[in-house]
């Protein structure tokens, strides 16, 4: 199952407690995926065309709870297409007109509205419900290194309207116009999580947070491992240089003439060729600091260089 369908499945389980939320979500579904059909002689109908079984079930329940009967039909766009789409057919009855007018889908003359009136999305809960319906009707979400969440609309004005609703709840969405439609979208993890939480997809948000924590932990572990490896490489190179310098001085029989601290450092490096400076410093008598031992070993390298 895709990430988009996971979110829709979760959103479809949310039962609006208020009438205003139900109307706002129903309004968004029709604005995102609805079409008006005029049949003549004053007859009309509305169709919802959805690509998700979860969204279709949710729309059916919302209509039923609002007292509107609908018929669900399935079809495939092409002969060999394996993707099933769902159509909900709503007859233009007086009850349907009353509810859909209250939801800001059509006016009293059956004319379709591009956007709902302010009264439909005036409350914070209604804005959240409207955005939820917009995602159910035409939203998409993809995870990965480049996350992307978008709400598809028929026009730039509708996309701007969705962005304003989200902004009213503290979520920033950008707007883009494409060849056949427009979108309100975000590629920010923070905005995606905020919008999903606003719509009610709490489980998805928790999964995203857990995913981010695991990814950050893995990244930190990799950084530490890389840093440790780099330190080991540097320590190994330094030890080889120091050992080569001591070997050169020993070949010239010059170790016995060195001051005691330098001779001790040379002997420790010969006996412990792979140990770190900290480990060697602990072996001196009396114990020296890491910096002090580094200076002594560096002096040995300089002496070896002077001897050619």
C-alpha atoms as a PDB file:
ATOM      1  CA  UNK A   1       0.000   0.000   0.000  1.00  0.00           C
ATOM      2  CA  UNK A   2       1.296   3.472  -0.909  1.00  0.00           C
ATOM      3  CA  UNK A   3       1.978   6.171   1.663  1.00  0.00           C
ATOM      4  CA  UNK A   4      -0.933   8.181   0.249  1.00  0.00           C
ATOM      5  CA  UNK A   5      -3.339   5.289   0.706  1.00  0.00           C
ATOM      6  CA  UNK A   6      -2.025   4.667   4.234  1.00  0.00           C
ATOM      7  CA  UNK A   7      -2.929   8.244   5.140  1.00  0.00           C
ATOM      8  CA  UNK A   8      -6.342   7.980   3.482  1.00  0.00           C
ATOM      9  CA  UNK A   9      -7.092   4.747   5.327  1.00  0.00           C
ATOM     10  CA  UNK A  10      -6.334   6.468   8.630  1.00  0.00           C
ATOM     11  CA  UNK A  11      -8.255   9.639   7.802  1.00  0.00           C
ATOM     12  CA  UNK A  12     -11.259   7.608   6.692  1.00  0.00           C
ATOM     13  CA  UNK A  13     -11.661   6.221  10.212  1.00  0.00           C
ATOM     14  CA  UNK A  14     -12.187   9.655  11.779  1.00  0.00           C
ATOM     15  CA  UNK A  15     -15.842  10.289  12.569  1.00  0.00           C
ATOM     16  CA  UNK A  16     -16.654  14.033  12.727  1.00  0.00           C
ATOM     17  CA  UNK A  17     -18.426  14.824  15.988  1.00  0.00           C
ATOM     18  CA  UNK A  18     -19.912  18.110  14.811  1.00  0.00           C
ATOM     19  CA  UNK A  19     -22.284  18.839  11.968  1.00  0.00           C
ATOM     20  CA  UNK A  20     -20.054  21.704  10.815  1.00  0.00           C
ATOM     21  CA  UNK A  21     -17.068  19.353  10.486  1.00  0.00           C
ATOM     22  CA  UNK A  22     -19.099  16.876   8.466  1.00  0.00           C
ATOM     23  CA  UNK A  23     -20.259  19.612   6.097  1.00  0.00           C
ATOM     24  CA  UNK A  24     -16.716  21.007   5.732  1.00  0.00           C
ATOM     25  CA  UNK A  25     -15.241  17.599   4.902  1.00  0.00           C
ATOM     26  CA  UNK A  26     -18.072  16.832   2.481  1.00  0.00           C
ATOM     27  CA  UNK A  27     -17.540  20.224   0.872  1.00  0.00           C
ATOM     28  CA  UNK A  28     -13.839  19.533   0.323  1.00  0.00           C
ATOM     29  CA  UNK A  29     -14.514  16.098  -1.164  1.00  0.00           C
ATOM     30  CA  UNK A  30     -16.875  17.560  -3.773  1.00  0.00           C
ATOM     31  CA  UNK A  31     -14.592  20.500  -4.535  1.00  0.00           C
ATOM     32  CA  UNK A  32     -11.641  18.128  -4.971  1.00  0.00           C
ATOM     33  CA  UNK A  33     -13.293  15.303  -6.903  1.00  0.00           C
ATOM     34  CA  UNK A  34     -16.882  16.269  -7.707  1.00  0.00           C
ATOM     35  CA  UNK A  35     -18.668  17.181 -10.933  1.00  0.00           C
ATOM     36  CA  UNK A  36     -22.123  18.591 -11.607  1.00  0.00           C
ATOM     37  CA  UNK A  37     -24.328  16.999 -14.283  1.00  0.00           C
ATOM     38  CA  UNK A  38     -27.334  18.937 -15.668  1.00  0.00           C
ATOM     39  CA  UNK A  39     -29.826  16.628 -17.302  1.00  0.00           C
ATOM     40  CA  UNK A  40     -32.411  19.083 -18.559  1.00  0.00           C
ATOM     41  CA  UNK A  41     -35.949  19.741 -17.416  1.00  0.00           C
ATOM     42  CA  UNK A  42     -34.536  21.018 -14.149  1.00  0.00           C
ATOM     43  CA  UNK A  43     -32.939  17.686 -13.215  1.00  0.00           C
ATOM     44  CA  UNK A  44     -29.363  17.506 -12.000  1.00  0.00           C
ATOM     45  CA  UNK A  45     -26.935  15.160 -10.277  1.00  0.00           C
ATOM     46  CA  UNK A  46     -23.530  15.234  -8.650  1.00  0.00           C
ATOM     47  CA  UNK A  47     -20.773  12.668  -9.107  1.00  0.00           C
ATOM     48  CA  UNK A  48     -17.746  12.041  -6.927  1.00  0.00           C
ATOM     49  CA  UNK A  49     -14.864  10.382  -8.778  1.00  0.00           C
ATOM     50  CA  UNK A  50     -12.323   8.869  -6.378  1.00  0.00           C
ATOM     51  CA  UNK A  51      -9.278   6.663  -6.777  1.00  0.00           C
ATOM     52  CA  UNK A  52      -9.374   5.284  -3.246  1.00  0.00           C
ATOM     53  CA  UNK A  53     -11.696   2.748  -1.698  1.00  0.00           C
ATOM     54  CA  UNK A  54     -11.138   4.347   1.710  1.00  0.00           C
ATOM     55  CA  UNK A  55     -12.144   7.772   0.389  1.00  0.00           C
ATOM     56  CA  UNK A  56     -15.203   6.297  -1.337  1.00  0.00           C
ATOM     57  CA  UNK A  57     -16.335   4.603   1.891  1.00  0.00           C
ATOM     58  CA  UNK A  58     -15.839   7.818   3.815  1.00  0.00           C
ATOM     59  CA  UNK A  59     -17.802   9.874   1.270  1.00  0.00           C
ATOM     60  CA  UNK A  60     -20.630   7.327   1.301  1.00  0.00           C
ATOM     61  CA  UNK A  61     -20.896   7.469   5.110  1.00  0.00           C
ATOM     62  CA  UNK A  62     -20.775  11.282   5.175  1.00  0.00           C
ATOM     63  CA  UNK A  63     -23.566  11.467   2.613  1.00  0.00           C
ATOM     64  CA  UNK A  64     -25.624   8.847   4.433  1.00  0.00           C
ATOM     65  CA  UNK A  65     -25.217  10.604   7.781  1.00  0.00           C
ATOM     66  CA  UNK A  66     -26.367  13.810   6.106  1.00  0.00           C
ATOM     67  CA  UNK A  67     -29.503  12.085   4.840  1.00  0.00           C
ATOM     68  CA  UNK A  68     -28.379  11.766   1.210  1.00  0.00           C
ATOM     69  CA  UNK A  69     -28.587   8.527  -0.719  1.00  0.00           C
ATOM     70  CA  UNK A  70     -25.764   7.726  -3.123  1.00  0.00           C
ATOM     71  CA  UNK A  71     -24.948   4.903  -5.480  1.00  0.00           C
ATOM     72  CA  UNK A  72     -21.379   3.561  -5.654  1.00  0.00           C
ATOM     73  CA  UNK A  73     -20.052   2.349  -8.992  1.00  0.00           C
ATOM     74  CA  UNK A  74     -16.615   1.092  -9.930  1.00  0.00           C
ATOM     75  CA  UNK A  75     -14.788   1.325 -13.235  1.00  0.00           C
ATOM     76  CA  UNK A  76     -11.347   1.242 -14.849  1.00  0.00           C
ATOM     77  CA  UNK A  77     -10.103   4.079 -17.007  1.00  0.00           C
ATOM     78  CA  UNK A  78      -8.555   1.782 -19.609  1.00  0.00           C
ATOM     79  CA  UNK A  79      -9.262  -1.748 -20.743  1.00  0.00           C
ATOM     80  CA  UNK A  80      -6.181  -3.299 -19.163  1.00  0.00           C
ATOM     81  CA  UNK A  81      -5.854  -0.932 -16.210  1.00  0.00           C
ATOM     82  CA  UNK A  82      -5.661  -2.792 -12.892  1.00  0.00           C
ATOM     83  CA  UNK A  83      -6.521   0.308 -10.837  1.00  0.00           C
ATOM     84  CA  UNK A  84     -10.135   0.499  -9.722  1.00  0.00           C
ATOM     85  CA  UNK A  85     -11.809   3.887  -9.435  1.00  0.00           C
ATOM     86  CA  UNK A  86     -14.995   4.672  -7.551  1.00  0.00           C
ATOM     87  CA  UNK A  87     -17.899   6.903  -8.529  1.00  0.00           C
ATOM     88  CA  UNK A  88     -20.574   8.030  -6.100  1.00  0.00           C
ATOM     89  CA  UNK A  89     -23.733   9.181  -7.882  1.00  0.00           C
ATOM     90  CA  UNK A  90     -25.940  11.622  -5.970  1.00  0.00           C
ATOM     91  CA  UNK A  91     -29.385  12.434  -7.354  1.00  0.00           C
ATOM     92  CA  UNK A  92     -30.421  16.070  -7.261  1.00  0.00           C
ATOM     93  CA  UNK A  93     -33.180  15.810  -4.681  1.00  0.00           C
ATOM     94  CA  UNK A  94     -34.373  18.610  -2.435  1.00  0.00           C
ATOM     95  CA  UNK A  95     -32.570  17.013   0.512  1.00  0.00           C
ATOM     96  CA  UNK A  96     -29.364  16.781  -1.491  1.00  0.00           C
ATOM     97  CA  UNK A  97     -29.689  20.405  -2.586  1.00  0.00           C
ATOM     98  CA  UNK A  98     -30.239  21.515   1.012  1.00  0.00           C
ATOM     99  CA  UNK A  99     -27.165  19.692   2.349  1.00  0.00           C
ATOM    100  CA  UNK A 100     -24.866  20.547  -0.553  1.00  0.00           C
ATOM    101  CA  UNK A 101     -25.911  24.197  -0.391  1.00  0.00           C
ATOM    102  CA  UNK A 102     -25.149  24.226   3.335  1.00  0.00           C
ATOM    103  CA  UNK A 103     -21.768  22.650   2.534  1.00  0.00           C
ATOM    104  CA  UNK A 104     -21.012  25.344  -0.047  1.00  0.00           C
ATOM    105  CA  UNK A 105     -20.827  22.891  -2.957  1.00  0.00           C
ATOM    106  CA  UNK A 106     -23.658  24.444  -5.012  1.00  0.00           C
ATOM    107  CA  UNK A 107     -25.880  27.487  -4.662  1.00  0.00           C
ATOM    108  CA  UNK A 108     -29.658  27.461  -4.483  1.00  0.00           C
ATOM    109  CA  UNK A 109     -29.831  27.640  -8.285  1.00  0.00           C
ATOM    110  CA  UNK A 110     -27.738  24.478  -8.620  1.00  0.00           C
ATOM    111  CA  UNK A 111     -24.694  26.454  -9.720  1.00  0.00           C
ATOM    112  CA  UNK A 112     -21.366  24.915  -8.657  1.00  0.00           C
ATOM    113  CA  UNK A 113     -19.154  26.951  -6.323  1.00  0.00           C
ATOM    114  CA  UNK A 114     -15.391  26.987  -6.829  1.00  0.00           C
ATOM    115  CA  UNK A 115     -14.819  27.450  -3.108  1.00  0.00           C
ATOM    116  CA  UNK A 116     -17.042  27.201  -0.058  1.00  0.00           C
ATOM    117  CA  UNK A 117     -18.249  30.391   1.642  1.00  0.00           C
ATOM    118  CA  UNK A 118     -16.441  31.572   4.747  1.00  0.00           C
ATOM    119  CA  UNK A 119     -19.120  30.181   7.077  1.00  0.00           C
ATOM    120  CA  UNK A 120     -18.165  26.597   6.063  1.00  0.00           C
ATOM    121  CA  UNK A 121     -14.532  26.983   7.153  1.00  0.00           C
ATOM    122  CA  UNK A 122     -14.897  29.679   9.805  1.00  0.00           C
ATOM    123  CA  UNK A 123     -13.811  27.526  12.739  1.00  0.00           C
ATOM    124  CA  UNK A 124     -10.488  25.842  13.334  1.00  0.00           C
ATOM    125  CA  UNK A 125     -12.139  22.409  13.476  1.00  0.00           C
ATOM    126  CA  UNK A 126     -13.879  23.089  10.161  1.00  0.00           C
ATOM    127  CA  UNK A 127     -10.626  24.116   8.482  1.00  0.00           C
ATOM    128  CA  UNK A 128      -9.020  20.882   9.667  1.00  0.00           C
ATOM    129  CA  UNK A 129     -12.015  18.899   8.375  1.00  0.00           C
ATOM    130  CA  UNK A 130     -11.907  20.684   5.013  1.00  0.00           C
ATOM    131  CA  UNK A 131      -8.202  19.953   4.566  1.00  0.00           C
ATOM    132  CA  UNK A 132      -8.873  16.328   5.523  1.00  0.00           C
ATOM    133  CA  UNK A 133     -11.550  16.092   2.858  1.00  0.00           C
ATOM    134  CA  UNK A 134      -9.221  17.700   0.305  1.00  0.00           C
ATOM    135  CA  UNK A 135      -6.597  15.040   0.969  1.00  0.00           C
ATOM    136  CA  UNK A 136      -9.148  12.229   0.803  1.00  0.00           C
ATOM    137  CA  UNK A 137     -10.387  13.561  -2.518  1.00  0.00           C
ATOM    138  CA  UNK A 138      -7.163  14.438  -4.306  1.00  0.00           C
ATOM    139  CA  UNK A 139      -4.182  14.401  -1.955  1.00  0.00           C
ATOM    140  CA  UNK A 140      -0.918  12.530  -2.275  1.00  0.00           C
ATOM    141  CA  UNK A 141       2.026  11.905   0.012  1.00  0.00           C
ATOM    142  CA  UNK A 142       5.412  10.355  -0.644  1.00  0.00           C
ATOM    143  CA  UNK A 143       8.134   9.549   1.874  1.00  0.00           C
ATOM    144  CA  UNK A 144      11.842   9.023   1.282  1.00  0.00           C
ATOM    145  CA  UNK A 145      14.780  11.391   1.106  1.00  0.00           C
ATOM    146  CA  UNK A 146      12.612  14.026  -0.615  1.00  0.00           C
ATOM    147  CA  UNK A 147       9.202  13.971   1.108  1.00  0.00           C
ATOM    148  CA  UNK A 148       6.309  15.562  -0.734  1.00  0.00           C
ATOM    149  CA  UNK A 149       2.677  16.185   0.216  1.00  0.00           C
ATOM    150  CA  UNK A 150       0.264  17.903  -2.126  1.00  0.00           C
ATOM    151  CA  UNK A 151      -3.431  18.715  -2.450  1.00  0.00           C
ATOM    152  CA  UNK A 152      -4.526  18.786  -6.071  1.00  0.00           C
ATOM    153  CA  UNK A 153      -7.095  21.338  -7.264  1.00  0.00           C
ATOM    154  CA  UNK A 154      -8.696  22.377 -10.534  1.00  0.00           C
ATOM    155  CA  UNK A 155      -7.487  25.994 -10.411  1.00  0.00           C
ATOM    156  CA  UNK A 156      -4.831  28.243  -8.964  1.00  0.00           C
ATOM    157  CA  UNK A 157      -7.485  30.090  -6.946  1.00  0.00           C
ATOM    158  CA  UNK A 158      -8.565  26.851  -5.267  1.00  0.00           C
ATOM    159  CA  UNK A 159      -4.955  25.950  -4.448  1.00  0.00           C
ATOM    160  CA  UNK A 160      -4.413  29.410  -2.944  1.00  0.00           C
ATOM    161  CA  UNK A 161      -7.583  28.907  -0.902  1.00  0.00           C
ATOM    162  CA  UNK A 162      -6.239  25.642   0.553  1.00  0.00           C
ATOM    163  CA  UNK A 163      -2.888  27.291   1.323  1.00  0.00           C
ATOM    164  CA  UNK A 164      -4.708  30.079   3.189  1.00  0.00           C
ATOM    165  CA  UNK A 165      -6.718  27.579   5.219  1.00  0.00           C
ATOM    166  CA  UNK A 166      -3.526  25.760   6.216  1.00  0.00           C
ATOM    167  CA  UNK A 167      -1.768  29.041   6.991  1.00  0.00           C
ATOM    168  CA  UNK A 168      -4.621  29.932   9.331  1.00  0.00           C
ATOM    169  CA  UNK A 169      -3.650  26.841  11.337  1.00  0.00           C
ATOM    170  CA  UNK A 170       0.079  27.574  11.268  1.00  0.00           C
ATOM    171  CA  UNK A 171       1.011  25.273   8.370  1.00  0.00           C
ATOM    172  CA  UNK A 172       2.835  26.772   5.390  1.00  0.00           C
ATOM    173  CA  UNK A 173       1.946  25.418   1.928  1.00  0.00           C
ATOM    174  CA  UNK A 174       3.288  26.591  -1.418  1.00  0.00           C
ATOM    175  CA  UNK A 175       1.190  26.821  -4.582  1.00  0.00           C
ATOM    176  CA  UNK A 176       2.145  25.666  -8.061  1.00  0.00           C
ATOM    177  CA  UNK A 177       0.264  25.662 -11.374  1.00  0.00           C
ATOM    178  CA  UNK A 178       0.776  22.685 -13.655  1.00  0.00           C
ATOM    179  CA  UNK A 179      -0.401  21.861 -17.151  1.00  0.00           C
ATOM    180  CA  UNK A 180      -3.850  20.534 -16.246  1.00  0.00           C
ATOM    181  CA  UNK A 181      -4.259  21.460 -12.582  1.00  0.00           C
ATOM    182  CA  UNK A 182      -2.836  23.345  -9.602  1.00  0.00           C
ATOM    183  CA  UNK A 183      -1.525  22.116  -6.241  1.00  0.00           C
ATOM    184  CA  UNK A 184      -0.985  23.336  -2.716  1.00  0.00           C
ATOM    185  CA  UNK A 185       2.082  21.465  -1.519  1.00  0.00           C
ATOM    186  CA  UNK A 186       4.984  21.210   0.901  1.00  0.00           C
ATOM    187  CA  UNK A 187       8.312  19.385   0.908  1.00  0.00           C
ATOM    188  CA  UNK A 188       9.164  20.240   4.507  1.00  0.00           C
ATOM    189  CA  UNK A 189       9.043  17.416   7.067  1.00  0.00           C
ATOM    190  CA  UNK A 190       7.886  19.904   9.695  1.00  0.00           C
ATOM    191  CA  UNK A 191       5.007  21.185   7.558  1.00  0.00           C
ATOM    192  CA  UNK A 192       4.048  17.672   6.460  1.00  0.00           C
ATOM    193  CA  UNK A 193       3.868  16.435  10.038  1.00  0.00           C
ATOM    194  CA  UNK A 194       1.921  19.528  11.117  1.00  0.00           C
ATOM    195  CA  UNK A 195      -0.598  19.160   8.290  1.00  0.00           C
ATOM    196  CA  UNK A 196      -1.075  15.430   8.885  1.00  0.00           C
ATOM    197  CA  UNK A 197      -1.599  16.085  12.595  1.00  0.00           C
ATOM    198  CA  UNK A 198      -4.092  18.845  11.797  1.00  0.00           C
ATOM    199  CA  UNK A 199      -6.055  16.500   9.532  1.00  0.00           C
ATOM    200  CA  UNK A 200      -6.056  13.829  12.235  1.00  0.00           C
ATOM    201  CA  UNK A 201      -3.476  11.337  10.921  1.00  0.00           C
ATOM    202  CA  UNK A 202      -1.831  10.863  14.334  1.00  0.00           C
ATOM    203  CA  UNK A 203      -0.559   7.333  13.663  1.00  0.00           C
ATOM    204  CA  UNK A 204       1.155   8.439  10.460  1.00  0.00           C
ATOM    205  CA  UNK A 205       2.785  11.348  12.294  1.00  0.00           C
ATOM    206  CA  UNK A 206       4.071   9.011  15.015  1.00  0.00           C
ATOM    207  CA  UNK A 207       5.467   6.677  12.355  1.00  0.00           C
ATOM    208  CA  UNK A 208       7.222   9.612  10.674  1.00  0.00           C
ATOM    209  CA  UNK A 209       8.701  10.801  13.972  1.00  0.00           C
ATOM    210  CA  UNK A 210       9.920   7.283  14.737  1.00  0.00           C
ATOM    211  CA  UNK A 211      11.380   7.027  11.248  1.00  0.00           C
ATOM    212  CA  UNK A 212      13.170  10.365  11.705  1.00  0.00           C
ATOM    213  CA  UNK A 213      14.568   9.322  15.102  1.00  0.00           C
ATOM    214  CA  UNK A 214      15.860   6.028  13.694  1.00  0.00           C
ATOM    215  CA  UNK A 215      17.376   7.815  10.706  1.00  0.00           C
ATOM    216  CA  UNK A 216      19.077  10.412  12.917  1.00  0.00           C
ATOM    217  CA  UNK A 217      20.385   7.700  15.262  1.00  0.00           C
ATOM    218  CA  UNK A 218      21.763   5.744  12.325  1.00  0.00           C
ATOM    219  CA  UNK A 219      23.287   8.884  10.847  1.00  0.00           C
ATOM    220  CA  UNK A 220      24.907   9.813  14.173  1.00  0.00           C
ATOM    221  CA  UNK A 221      26.276   6.294  14.567  1.00  0.00           C
ATOM    222  CA  UNK A 222      27.734   6.485  11.061  1.00  0.00           C
ATOM    223  CA  UNK A 223      29.306   9.863  11.794  1.00  0.00           C
ATOM    224  CA  UNK A 224      30.861   8.548  14.994  1.00  0.00           C
ATOM    225  CA  UNK A 225      32.112   5.424  13.225  1.00  0.00           C
ATOM    226  CA  UNK A 226      33.611   7.537  10.447  1.00  0.00           C
ATOM    227  CA  UNK A 227      35.221   9.839  12.991  1.00  0.00           C
ATOM    228  CA  UNK A 228      36.664   6.863  14.886  1.00  0.00           C
ATOM    229  CA  UNK A 229      38.001   5.412  11.665  1.00  0.00           C
ATOM    230  CA  UNK A 230      39.593   8.727  10.715  1.00  0.00           C
ATOM    231  CA  UNK A 231      41.201   9.005  14.153  1.00  0.00           C
ATOM    232  CA  UNK A 232      42.572   5.477  13.863  1.00  0.00           C
ATOM    233  CA  UNK A 233      44.023   6.263  10.445  1.00  0.00           C
ATOM    234  CA  UNK A 234      45.681   9.437  11.745  1.00  0.00           C
ATOM    235  CA  UNK A 235      46.995   7.627  14.835  1.00  0.00           C
ATOM    236  CA  UNK A 236      48.408   4.827  12.708  1.00  0.00           C
ATOM    237  CA  UNK A 237      50.167   7.217  10.340  1.00  0.00           C
ATOM    238  CA  UNK A 238      51.670   9.193  13.224  1.00  0.00           C
ATOM    239  CA  UNK A 239      52.859   6.008  14.937  1.00  0.00           C
ATOM    240  CA  UNK A 240      54.556   4.814  11.734  1.00  0.00           C
ATOM    241  CA  UNK A 241      56.372   8.146  11.318  1.00  0.00           C
ATOM    242  CA  UNK A 242      57.496   8.124  14.937  1.00  0.00           C
ATOM    243  CA  UNK A 243      58.623   4.502  14.741  1.00  0.00           C
ATOM    244  CA  UNK A 244      60.591   5.197  11.546  1.00  0.00           C
ATOM    245  CA  UNK A 245      62.296   8.154  13.227  1.00  0.00           C
ATOM    246  CA  UNK A 246      63.240   6.094  16.290  1.00  0.00           C
ATOM    247  CA  UNK A 247      64.536   3.243  14.110  1.00  0.00           C
ATOM    248  CA  UNK A 248      66.712   5.687  12.191  1.00  0.00           C
ATOM    249  CA  UNK A 249      68.173   7.118  15.417  1.00  0.00           C
ATOM    250  CA  UNK A 250      68.755   3.629  16.793  1.00  0.00           C
ATOM    251  CA  UNK A 251      70.542   2.580  13.574  1.00  0.00           C
ATOM    252  CA  UNK A 252      72.926   5.498  14.088  1.00  0.00           C
ATOM    253  CA  UNK A 253      73.423   4.512  17.774  1.00  0.00           C
ATOM    254  CA  UNK A 254      72.134   7.871  18.944  1.00  0.00           C
ATOM    255  CA  UNK A 255      69.393   6.768  21.336  1.00  0.00           C
ATOM    256  CA  UNK A 256      71.766   6.448  24.333  1.00  0.00           C
ATOM    257  CA  UNK A 257      72.888  10.062  23.924  1.00  0.00           C
ATOM    258  CA  UNK A 258      69.355  11.465  24.110  1.00  0.00           C
ATOM    259  CA  UNK A 259      67.954  13.236  27.207  1.00  0.00           C
ATOM    260  CA  UNK A 260      66.065  10.852  29.490  1.00  0.00           C
ATOM    261  CA  UNK A 261      62.542  12.034  28.500  1.00  0.00           C
ATOM    262  CA  UNK A 262      63.301  11.621  24.767  1.00  0.00           C
ATOM    263  CA  UNK A 263      65.014   8.260  25.253  1.00  0.00           C
ATOM    264  CA  UNK A 264      62.054   7.011  27.302  1.00  0.00           C
ATOM    265  CA  UNK A 265      59.614   8.136  24.592  1.00  0.00           C
ATOM    266  CA  UNK A 266      61.681   6.383  21.922  1.00  0.00           C
ATOM    267  CA  UNK A 267      61.855   3.130  23.885  1.00  0.00           C
ATOM    268  CA  UNK A 268      58.105   3.196  24.569  1.00  0.00           C
ATOM    269  CA  UNK A 269      57.350   3.676  20.870  1.00  0.00           C
ATOM    270  CA  UNK A 270      59.656   0.772  19.965  1.00  0.00           C
ATOM    271  CA  UNK A 271      58.015  -1.536  22.523  1.00  0.00           C
ATOM    272  CA  UNK A 272      54.458  -0.446  21.734  1.00  0.00           C
ATOM    273  CA  UNK A 273      54.356   0.498  18.038  1.00  0.00           C
ATOM    274  CA  UNK A 274      50.539   0.595  17.702  1.00  0.00           C
ATOM    275  CA  UNK A 275      49.471   2.335  20.907  1.00  0.00           C
ATOM    276  CA  UNK A 276      47.979   5.811  20.947  1.00  0.00           C
ATOM    277  CA  UNK A 277      49.652   8.845  22.483  1.00  0.00           C
ATOM    278  CA  UNK A 278      47.318   8.671  25.481  1.00  0.00           C
ATOM    279  CA  UNK A 279      48.250   5.039  26.115  1.00  0.00           C
ATOM    280  CA  UNK A 280      51.980   5.710  25.760  1.00  0.00           C
ATOM    281  CA  UNK A 281      51.792   8.781  28.004  1.00  0.00           C
ATOM    282  CA  UNK A 282      50.294   6.653  30.767  1.00  0.00           C
ATOM    283  CA  UNK A 283      53.342   4.357  30.620  1.00  0.00           C
ATOM    284  CA  UNK A 284      55.947   7.074  31.260  1.00  0.00           C
ATOM    285  CA  UNK A 285      57.572   7.420  34.674  1.00  0.00           C
ATOM    286  CA  UNK A 286      56.194   9.653  36.026  1.00  0.00           C
ATOM    287  CA  UNK A 287      53.091   9.650  33.777  1.00  0.00           C
ATOM    288  CA  UNK A 288      53.180  12.501  31.266  1.00  0.00           C
ATOM    289  CA  UNK A 289      50.379  14.341  29.529  1.00  0.00           C
ATOM    290  CA  UNK A 290      49.384  13.453  25.994  1.00  0.00           C
ATOM    291  CA  UNK A 291      50.632  16.839  24.781  1.00  0.00           C
ATOM    292  CA  UNK A 292      53.996  16.396  26.509  1.00  0.00           C
ATOM    293  CA  UNK A 293      54.563  12.997  24.942  1.00  0.00           C
ATOM    294  CA  UNK A 294      53.548  14.358  21.545  1.00  0.00           C
ATOM    295  CA  UNK A 295      56.213  17.066  21.833  1.00  0.00           C
ATOM    296  CA  UNK A 296      58.854  14.478  22.733  1.00  0.00           C
ATOM    297  CA  UNK A 297      58.002  12.222  19.821  1.00  0.00           C
ATOM    298  CA  UNK A 298      57.892  15.217  17.496  1.00  0.00           C
ATOM    299  CA  UNK A 299      61.379  16.182  18.709  1.00  0.00           C
ATOM    300  CA  UNK A 300      62.570  12.664  17.838  1.00  0.00           C
ATOM    301  CA  UNK A 301      61.135  13.024  14.296  1.00  0.00           C
ATOM    302  CA  UNK A 302      62.930  16.370  13.875  1.00  0.00           C
ATOM    303  CA  UNK A 303      66.219  14.853  15.081  1.00  0.00           C
ATOM    304  CA  UNK A 304      65.838  12.000  12.594  1.00  0.00           C
ATOM    305  CA  UNK A 305      65.156  14.496   9.799  1.00  0.00           C
ATOM    306  CA  UNK A 306      68.277  16.503  10.729  1.00  0.00           C
ATOM    307  CA  UNK A 307      70.355  13.322  10.551  1.00  0.00           C
ATOM    308  CA  UNK A 308      69.184  12.789   6.980  1.00  0.00           C
END
